[in-house]
N, C-alpha and C. Protein backbone atom coordinates (compact mmCIF):
# COMPACT_ATOMS: atom_id res chain seq x y z
N MET A 1 -4.26 1.03 -25.23
CA MET A 1 -3.35 0.62 -24.52
C MET A 1 -3.38 -0.71 -24.49
N ASN A 2 -2.42 -1.80 -25.16
CA ASN A 2 -2.64 -3.07 -25.18
C ASN A 2 -2.25 -3.87 -23.69
N LYS A 3 -2.73 -5.25 -23.72
CA LYS A 3 -2.41 -5.84 -22.26
C LYS A 3 -0.96 -5.84 -21.93
N GLN A 4 -0.16 -5.95 -22.98
CA GLN A 4 1.32 -6.16 -22.68
C GLN A 4 1.98 -4.74 -22.24
N GLN A 5 1.29 -3.57 -22.70
CA GLN A 5 1.70 -2.12 -22.00
C GLN A 5 1.09 -2.07 -20.92
N PHE A 6 0.00 -2.47 -20.59
CA PHE A 6 -0.88 -2.40 -19.30
C PHE A 6 -0.19 -3.08 -18.06
N GLU A 7 0.34 -4.30 -18.51
CA GLU A 7 1.13 -5.11 -17.52
C GLU A 7 2.51 -4.49 -17.15
N GLN A 8 3.33 -4.11 -18.13
CA GLN A 8 4.55 -3.26 -17.99
C GLN A 8 4.22 -2.16 -16.93
N LEU A 9 2.98 -1.14 -17.31
CA LEU A 9 2.80 -0.30 -16.73
C LEU A 9 2.70 -0.25 -14.91
N ILE A 10 1.82 -1.51 -14.83
CA ILE A 10 1.76 -2.02 -13.37
C ILE A 10 3.16 -2.29 -12.89
N LYS A 11 3.85 -3.34 -13.56
CA LYS A 11 5.20 -3.65 -13.16
C LYS A 11 5.86 -2.49 -12.57
N GLU A 12 5.88 -1.49 -13.57
CA GLU A 12 6.97 -0.23 -13.24
C GLU A 12 6.45 0.62 -11.98
N GLU A 13 5.12 0.79 -12.00
CA GLU A 13 4.52 1.44 -10.89
C GLU A 13 4.79 0.84 -9.58
N LEU A 14 4.43 -0.45 -9.58
CA LEU A 14 4.77 -1.28 -8.21
C LEU A 14 6.14 -1.20 -7.86
N LYS A 15 7.01 -1.36 -8.86
CA LYS A 15 8.70 -1.28 -8.61
C LYS A 15 8.85 0.28 -8.01
N ASN A 16 8.46 1.09 -8.77
CA ASN A 16 8.57 2.58 -8.12
C ASN A 16 8.30 2.62 -6.69
N ILE A 17 6.88 2.25 -6.37
CA ILE A 17 6.34 2.30 -5.39
C ILE A 17 7.14 1.61 -4.12
N LEU A 18 7.09 0.19 -4.34
CA LEU A 18 7.65 -0.91 -3.23
C LEU A 18 9.27 -0.40 -3.13
N ASN A 19 9.86 -0.12 -3.99
CA ASN A 19 11.32 0.30 -4.03
C ASN A 19 11.99 -0.74 -3.20
N GLU A 20 12.22 -1.95 -3.76
CA GLU A 20 12.96 -2.97 -3.47
C GLU A 20 12.33 -3.74 -1.97
N SER A 21 11.05 -3.42 -1.57
CA SER A 21 10.64 -4.06 -0.42
C SER A 21 11.03 -3.56 0.96
N LYS A 22 11.65 -2.25 0.79
CA LYS A 22 12.19 -1.72 2.11
C LYS A 22 11.79 -0.25 1.99
N LEU A 23 11.21 0.36 3.27
CA LEU A 23 10.93 1.76 3.30
C LEU A 23 11.39 2.23 4.44
N THR A 24 12.14 3.72 4.46
CA THR A 24 12.65 4.05 5.86
C THR A 24 11.56 5.25 5.95
N ALA A 25 11.26 5.61 6.93
CA ALA A 25 10.25 6.73 7.21
C ALA A 25 11.17 7.33 8.78
N GLY A 26 11.50 8.46 8.56
CA GLY A 26 12.15 9.06 10.00
C GLY A 26 13.44 8.17 10.44
N ASP A 27 13.23 7.49 11.53
CA ASP A 27 14.34 6.70 11.98
C ASP A 27 13.90 5.37 11.90
N ASN A 28 12.67 5.01 11.25
CA ASN A 28 12.39 3.58 11.06
C ASN A 28 12.22 3.10 9.91
N THR A 29 12.84 1.78 9.94
CA THR A 29 12.86 1.12 8.46
C THR A 29 11.82 -0.31 8.48
N PHE A 30 11.07 -0.37 7.26
CA PHE A 30 9.98 -1.42 7.51
C PHE A 30 10.25 -1.98 6.17
N ASN A 31 9.92 -3.61 6.23
CA ASN A 31 9.83 -4.32 5.02
C ASN A 31 8.47 -4.37 4.70
N ILE A 32 8.29 -4.25 3.45
CA ILE A 32 7.12 -4.19 2.56
C ILE A 32 6.23 -5.56 2.37
N ASP A 33 5.09 -5.82 2.96
CA ASP A 33 4.51 -6.97 2.63
C ASP A 33 3.28 -6.79 1.86
N VAL A 34 3.12 -7.35 0.63
CA VAL A 34 1.88 -6.99 -0.26
C VAL A 34 1.30 -8.44 -0.51
N SER A 35 -0.11 -8.31 -0.42
CA SER A 35 -0.81 -9.53 -0.32
C SER A 35 -2.30 -9.02 -0.83
N VAL A 36 -3.14 -10.38 -0.85
CA VAL A 36 -4.61 -9.94 -1.18
C VAL A 36 -5.34 -9.93 0.03
N ASN A 37 -6.06 -9.05 0.48
CA ASN A 37 -7.10 -8.95 1.57
C ASN A 37 -8.42 -9.61 1.14
N ARG A 38 -8.71 -10.54 1.66
CA ARG A 38 -10.00 -11.35 1.44
C ARG A 38 -11.19 -10.95 1.95
N ASN A 39 -11.08 -10.16 3.11
CA ASN A 39 -12.13 -9.64 4.11
C ASN A 39 -13.08 -8.88 3.05
N PRO A 40 -14.45 -9.45 3.14
CA PRO A 40 -15.48 -8.95 2.13
C PRO A 40 -15.79 -7.40 2.39
N THR A 41 -15.42 -6.94 3.40
CA THR A 41 -15.72 -5.35 3.77
C THR A 41 -14.23 -4.62 3.27
N LYS A 42 -13.35 -5.20 2.98
CA LYS A 42 -11.98 -4.36 2.51
C LYS A 42 -11.35 -5.47 1.27
N GLU A 43 -12.23 -5.98 0.46
CA GLU A 43 -11.47 -6.90 -0.34
C GLU A 43 -10.42 -5.74 -1.43
N GLY A 44 -9.23 -6.32 -1.44
CA GLY A 44 -8.24 -5.62 -2.15
C GLY A 44 -6.85 -5.91 -2.09
N ILE A 45 -5.89 -5.03 -2.35
CA ILE A 45 -4.55 -5.43 -2.22
C ILE A 45 -4.08 -4.61 -0.85
N LYS A 46 -3.54 -5.80 -0.02
CA LYS A 46 -3.21 -5.44 1.40
C LYS A 46 -1.76 -5.06 1.15
N ILE A 47 -1.48 -3.90 1.95
CA ILE A 47 0.05 -3.66 2.35
C ILE A 47 0.34 -3.41 3.58
N GLN A 48 1.36 -4.25 4.07
CA GLN A 48 1.71 -4.16 5.53
C GLN A 48 3.23 -3.62 5.47
N LEU A 49 3.37 -2.54 6.28
CA LEU A 49 5.06 -2.13 6.54
C LEU A 49 5.06 -2.94 7.95
N LYS A 50 6.19 -3.79 7.88
CA LYS A 50 6.51 -4.46 9.01
C LYS A 50 8.05 -3.84 9.51
N PRO A 51 7.91 -3.45 10.80
CA PRO A 51 9.38 -2.71 11.24
C PRO A 51 10.37 -3.91 11.44
N THR A 52 11.50 -3.21 11.17
CA THR A 52 12.64 -3.97 11.39
C THR A 52 12.88 -4.41 12.90
N PRO A 53 13.52 -5.38 13.03
CA PRO A 53 13.52 -5.70 14.77
C PRO A 53 14.24 -4.29 15.35
N GLY A 54 13.85 -4.14 16.58
CA GLY A 54 14.19 -3.04 17.48
C GLY A 54 13.42 -1.75 17.13
N THR A 55 12.48 -1.88 16.40
CA THR A 55 11.70 -0.59 16.15
C THR A 55 10.45 -0.34 17.30
N ASP A 56 10.46 0.84 17.74
CA ASP A 56 9.35 0.74 18.83
C ASP A 56 8.82 2.23 18.65
N MET A 57 7.86 2.46 18.33
CA MET A 57 7.22 3.77 18.11
C MET A 57 6.00 3.87 19.09
N ASP A 58 6.05 5.13 19.90
CA ASP A 58 4.61 5.56 20.53
C ASP A 58 3.52 5.93 19.50
N SER A 59 2.53 6.02 20.17
CA SER A 59 1.25 6.22 19.34
C SER A 59 1.25 7.32 18.69
N ASP A 60 1.95 8.61 19.16
CA ASP A 60 1.93 9.77 18.42
C ASP A 60 3.10 9.43 17.14
N GLU A 61 4.03 8.78 17.36
CA GLU A 61 5.01 8.78 16.27
C GLU A 61 4.62 7.63 15.22
N LYS A 62 3.63 6.83 15.53
CA LYS A 62 3.18 5.71 14.71
C LYS A 62 2.21 6.49 13.71
N ALA A 63 1.17 7.33 14.54
CA ALA A 63 0.34 8.27 13.76
C ALA A 63 0.89 9.14 12.69
N LYS A 64 1.87 9.64 13.21
CA LYS A 64 2.56 10.61 11.94
C LYS A 64 3.27 9.74 10.89
N VAL A 65 3.89 8.70 11.22
CA VAL A 65 4.48 7.92 10.00
C VAL A 65 3.39 7.24 9.34
N THR A 66 2.42 6.88 9.91
CA THR A 66 1.14 6.30 9.05
C THR A 66 0.92 7.65 7.89
N MET A 67 0.43 8.58 8.66
CA MET A 67 -0.04 9.56 7.74
C MET A 67 1.07 10.03 6.53
N ALA A 68 2.46 10.11 6.90
CA ALA A 68 3.53 10.58 5.85
C ALA A 68 3.44 9.20 4.72
N VAL A 69 3.42 8.09 5.23
CA VAL A 69 3.51 6.92 4.17
C VAL A 69 2.10 7.07 3.44
N GLN A 70 0.93 7.16 4.00
CA GLN A 70 -0.14 7.06 3.49
C GLN A 70 -0.26 8.34 2.37
N GLU A 71 0.09 9.60 2.63
CA GLU A 71 0.29 10.46 1.67
C GLU A 71 1.33 10.29 0.54
N LYS A 72 2.41 9.78 0.92
CA LYS A 72 3.51 9.34 -0.38
C LYS A 72 2.76 8.17 -1.07
N LEU A 73 2.27 7.32 -0.53
CA LEU A 73 1.53 6.09 -1.54
C LEU A 73 0.39 6.75 -2.30
N ASN A 74 -0.51 7.48 -1.62
CA ASN A 74 -1.42 8.15 -2.50
C ASN A 74 -0.89 9.28 -3.53
N ASN A 75 0.00 9.91 -3.49
CA ASN A 75 0.68 10.79 -4.54
C ASN A 75 1.09 9.90 -5.63
N SER A 76 1.93 8.79 -5.23
CA SER A 76 2.63 8.26 -6.33
C SER A 76 1.50 7.13 -7.12
N LEU A 77 0.25 6.73 -6.28
CA LEU A 77 -0.80 5.84 -7.09
C LEU A 77 -1.63 6.66 -7.83
N GLU A 78 -1.92 8.12 -7.31
CA GLU A 78 -2.65 8.98 -8.23
C GLU A 78 -2.98 9.04 -9.75
N PRO A 79 -1.62 8.97 -10.34
CA PRO A 79 -1.97 8.63 -11.74
C PRO A 79 -2.53 7.58 -12.28
N LEU A 80 -2.53 6.45 -11.40
CA LEU A 80 -3.30 5.45 -11.80
C LEU A 80 -4.73 5.38 -11.50
N GLY A 81 -5.02 6.39 -10.79
CA GLY A 81 -6.61 6.52 -10.23
C GLY A 81 -6.71 5.68 -8.92
N LEU A 82 -5.54 5.12 -8.22
CA LEU A 82 -5.67 4.47 -7.09
C LEU A 82 -5.31 5.39 -5.71
N GLN A 83 -5.83 4.66 -4.87
CA GLN A 83 -5.74 5.58 -3.54
C GLN A 83 -5.80 4.34 -2.24
N VAL A 84 -4.48 4.37 -1.36
CA VAL A 84 -4.62 3.52 -0.12
C VAL A 84 -5.69 4.14 0.99
N ASN A 85 -6.19 3.19 1.64
CA ASN A 85 -6.73 3.37 2.58
C ASN A 85 -6.09 2.91 4.01
N GLU A 86 -6.07 3.46 5.17
CA GLU A 86 -5.46 2.58 6.29
C GLU A 86 -6.44 1.89 6.74
N ASP A 87 -5.84 0.64 7.00
CA ASP A 87 -6.51 -0.75 7.62
C ASP A 87 -6.75 -0.41 8.97
N PRO A 88 -8.29 -0.44 9.24
CA PRO A 88 -8.58 -0.13 10.76
C PRO A 88 -8.32 -1.29 11.30
N ASP A 89 -8.38 -2.57 10.71
CA ASP A 89 -8.38 -3.59 11.60
C ASP A 89 -6.70 -4.21 11.75
N ILE A 90 -5.67 -3.37 11.54
CA ILE A 90 -4.45 -3.97 11.72
C ILE A 90 -3.91 -4.42 12.75
N ARG A 91 -4.57 -3.93 14.18
CA ARG A 91 -4.19 -4.51 15.34
C ARG A 91 -4.66 -5.95 15.61
N GLN A 92 -5.96 -6.34 14.92
CA GLN A 92 -6.29 -7.62 14.97
C GLN A 92 -5.40 -8.63 14.04
N ALA A 93 -4.69 -8.01 12.93
CA ALA A 93 -4.14 -8.82 12.17
C ALA A 93 -2.70 -9.11 12.49
N THR A 94 -2.16 -8.56 13.57
CA THR A 94 -0.73 -8.78 13.70
C THR A 94 -0.39 -8.54 15.23
N SER A 95 0.52 -9.44 15.95
CA SER A 95 0.53 -9.06 17.44
C SER A 95 1.68 -7.90 17.56
N ASP A 96 2.33 -7.48 16.50
CA ASP A 96 3.24 -6.26 16.56
C ASP A 96 2.43 -4.95 16.34
N PRO A 97 2.63 -4.02 17.49
CA PRO A 97 1.81 -2.77 17.68
C PRO A 97 2.32 -1.96 16.47
N ASN A 98 3.67 -2.12 16.02
CA ASN A 98 4.39 -1.09 15.17
C ASN A 98 4.18 -1.50 13.60
N VAL A 99 3.22 -2.51 13.13
CA VAL A 99 3.01 -2.65 11.89
C VAL A 99 2.01 -1.88 11.36
N LEU A 100 2.13 -1.06 10.29
CA LEU A 100 1.40 -0.24 9.61
C LEU A 100 0.56 -0.97 8.51
N GLY A 101 -0.77 -0.71 8.59
CA GLY A 101 -1.36 -1.48 7.45
C GLY A 101 -2.21 -0.63 6.51
N PHE A 102 -2.41 -0.83 5.10
CA PHE A 102 -2.99 -0.20 4.35
C PHE A 102 -3.60 -1.00 3.23
N TYR A 103 -4.74 -0.62 2.41
CA TYR A 103 -5.11 -1.48 1.43
C TYR A 103 -5.59 -0.63 0.21
N ILE A 104 -5.57 -1.06 -0.75
CA ILE A 104 -6.10 -0.51 -1.79
C ILE A 104 -7.28 -1.48 -2.40
N PRO A 105 -8.73 -0.80 -2.37
CA PRO A 105 -9.87 -1.44 -2.59
C PRO A 105 -9.90 -2.05 -4.21
N LEU A 106 -10.54 -3.19 -3.99
CA LEU A 106 -10.60 -4.10 -5.18
C LEU A 106 -11.37 -3.05 -6.30
N VAL A 107 -12.27 -2.63 -5.80
CA VAL A 107 -13.17 -1.64 -6.95
C VAL A 107 -12.17 -0.64 -7.57
N GLN A 108 -11.48 -0.05 -7.02
CA GLN A 108 -10.58 0.71 -7.68
C GLN A 108 -9.41 -0.06 -8.52
N ILE A 109 -8.98 -0.94 -8.38
CA ILE A 109 -8.19 -2.19 -9.25
C ILE A 109 -9.09 -2.41 -10.62
N LYS A 110 -10.40 -2.58 -10.46
CA LYS A 110 -11.40 -2.98 -11.45
C LYS A 110 -11.41 -1.77 -12.24
N GLN A 111 -11.78 -0.47 -11.69
CA GLN A 111 -11.85 0.64 -12.30
C GLN A 111 -10.71 1.02 -13.28
N MET A 112 -9.49 0.75 -12.52
CA MET A 112 -8.18 0.87 -13.37
C MET A 112 -8.07 0.00 -14.65
N ILE A 113 -8.55 -1.10 -14.51
CA ILE A 113 -8.60 -2.11 -15.56
C ILE A 113 -9.57 -1.54 -16.70
N VAL A 114 -10.60 -1.45 -16.21
CA VAL A 114 -11.74 -0.88 -17.05
C VAL A 114 -11.13 0.50 -18.00
N ASP A 115 -10.63 1.25 -17.31
CA ASP A 115 -10.05 2.50 -17.82
C ASP A 115 -9.17 2.00 -18.86
N ALA A 116 -8.34 1.19 -18.54
CA ALA A 116 -7.21 0.79 -19.44
C ALA A 116 -7.76 0.05 -20.81
N ILE A 117 -8.76 -0.73 -20.55
CA ILE A 117 -9.26 -1.28 -21.76
C ILE A 117 -9.81 -0.62 -22.59
N LYS A 118 -10.56 0.44 -21.84
CA LYS A 118 -11.36 1.42 -22.71
C LYS A 118 -10.35 2.42 -23.25
N GLY A 119 -8.89 2.65 -22.96
CA GLY A 119 -8.08 3.43 -23.30
C GLY A 119 -8.45 4.80 -22.91
N SER A 120 -8.90 5.08 -21.70
CA SER A 120 -9.12 6.30 -21.15
C SER A 120 -7.93 6.53 -19.98
């Protein structure tokens, strides 16, 4: 796989996963925010699902939605050898208790690149 093919693969996968930066889970709609997490204990790609105005989930509903989204992301990312982890510090990162937080560890991104370069 050459560099151009690799870049195209990443773009296609991110497009499929992010689906125009919106996600609906049950009765809840979220805007997807992807950025870099620079926390040394969680370096990687940070994914936050920010609810649209008026979204209010109790703790049980939030847990169910979080599990469903994490499962969907992991199933979609599995062919790339990637997996999301729930961000345990999401409560400290935002004042909105309904934001869902995940991250893809940098070590997984590095391994994906190494595998692509080696052609495995």
